[in-house]
């Protein structure tokens, strides 16, 4: 799991963003937290990757998950 590259595109006011980040933390998965409300360039990057403006968007090793979807996160991170 040490070679996992995880980016969470989020905003401070999004409850599902908080849940996603708490979940990753609880599984000891390091991630980059990108506050798209403060960084327009990264917000544009998120939309280019996901086709969505809503958050959270998780980029796990180049695979994009829109929303807080535990089964999809677990599958991509190979968490049992």
Protein backbone atom coordinates (compact mmCIF):
# COMPACT_ATOMS: atom_id res chain seq x y z
CA UNK A 1 0.00 0.00 0.00
CA UNK A 2 3.00 2.30 0.32
CA UNK A 3 3.14 2.88 -3.42
CA UNK A 4 -0.48 4.04 -3.63
CA UNK A 5 -1.02 7.54 -5.03
CA UNK A 6 -4.23 8.98 -3.61
CA UNK A 7 -5.54 12.51 -4.15
CA UNK A 8 -8.76 13.76 -2.58
CA UNK A 9 -10.30 16.82 -4.21
CA UNK A 10 -12.53 18.41 -1.60
CA UNK A 11 -13.91 21.54 0.03
CA UNK A 12 -13.97 22.37 3.75
CA UNK A 13 -17.79 22.53 3.85
CA UNK A 14 -18.47 19.15 2.20
CA UNK A 15 -19.54 16.50 4.74
CA UNK A 16 -18.81 13.61 2.35
CA UNK A 17 -15.30 15.00 1.80
CA UNK A 18 -14.72 14.86 5.55
CA UNK A 19 -16.03 11.28 5.66
CA UNK A 20 -13.81 10.20 2.76
CA UNK A 21 -10.71 11.70 4.36
CA UNK A 22 -11.57 10.21 7.77
CA UNK A 23 -12.06 6.81 6.13
CA UNK A 24 -8.68 6.93 4.37
CA UNK A 25 -7.01 8.06 7.59
CA UNK A 26 -8.65 5.21 9.53
CA UNK A 27 -7.18 2.75 6.99
CA UNK A 28 -3.71 4.40 7.28
CA UNK A 29 -3.80 5.44 3.61
CA UNK A 30 -1.73 8.58 2.97
CA UNK A 31 -3.35 11.04 0.60
CA UNK A 32 -2.98 14.53 -0.82
CA UNK A 33 -5.88 16.76 0.18
CA UNK A 34 -6.65 19.37 -2.47
CA UNK A 35 -9.02 22.17 -1.42
CA UNK A 36 -10.62 23.04 -4.75
CA UNK A 37 -12.39 26.04 -3.22
CA UNK A 38 -8.98 27.69 -2.82
CA UNK A 39 -7.13 26.43 -5.90
CA UNK A 40 -8.80 27.10 -9.26
CA UNK A 41 -6.10 25.31 -11.24
CA UNK A 42 -6.56 22.12 -9.22
CA UNK A 43 -10.37 22.51 -9.44
CA UNK A 44 -10.01 22.58 -13.24
CA UNK A 45 -7.76 19.51 -13.02
CA UNK A 46 -10.47 17.72 -11.00
CA UNK A 47 -13.15 18.54 -13.58
CA UNK A 48 -10.87 17.38 -16.42
CA UNK A 49 -10.29 14.05 -14.67
CA UNK A 50 -13.84 13.38 -13.48
CA UNK A 51 -16.16 15.38 -15.73
CA UNK A 52 -17.81 16.52 -12.48
CA UNK A 53 -17.85 19.71 -10.46
CA UNK A 54 -19.11 18.01 -7.30
CA UNK A 55 -16.84 16.85 -4.50
CA UNK A 56 -15.36 14.66 -3.22
CA UNK A 57 -13.44 13.29 -6.16
CA UNK A 58 -10.81 10.69 -5.35
CA UNK A 59 -7.99 9.86 -7.73
CA UNK A 60 -6.51 6.51 -6.71
CA UNK A 61 -3.58 5.50 -8.87
CA UNK A 62 -5.17 7.26 -11.86
CA UNK A 63 -8.63 5.77 -11.31
CA UNK A 64 -11.32 8.34 -10.47
CA UNK A 65 -14.13 7.88 -7.95
CA UNK A 66 -16.80 10.56 -7.71
CA UNK A 67 -18.36 10.76 -4.26
CA UNK A 68 -17.66 8.81 -1.09
CA UNK A 69 -18.00 5.23 -2.31
CA UNK A 70 -16.41 2.87 0.23
CA UNK A 71 -16.70 -0.33 -1.87
CA UNK A 72 -15.01 1.36 -4.84
CA UNK A 73 -12.28 2.83 -2.61
CA UNK A 74 -11.69 -0.54 -0.98
CA UNK A 75 -11.51 -2.26 -4.37
CA UNK A 76 -9.00 0.19 -5.84
CA UNK A 77 -6.86 0.16 -2.70
CA UNK A 78 -7.28 -3.61 -2.30
CA UNK A 79 -8.56 -3.22 1.27
CA UNK A 80 -10.24 -6.30 2.68
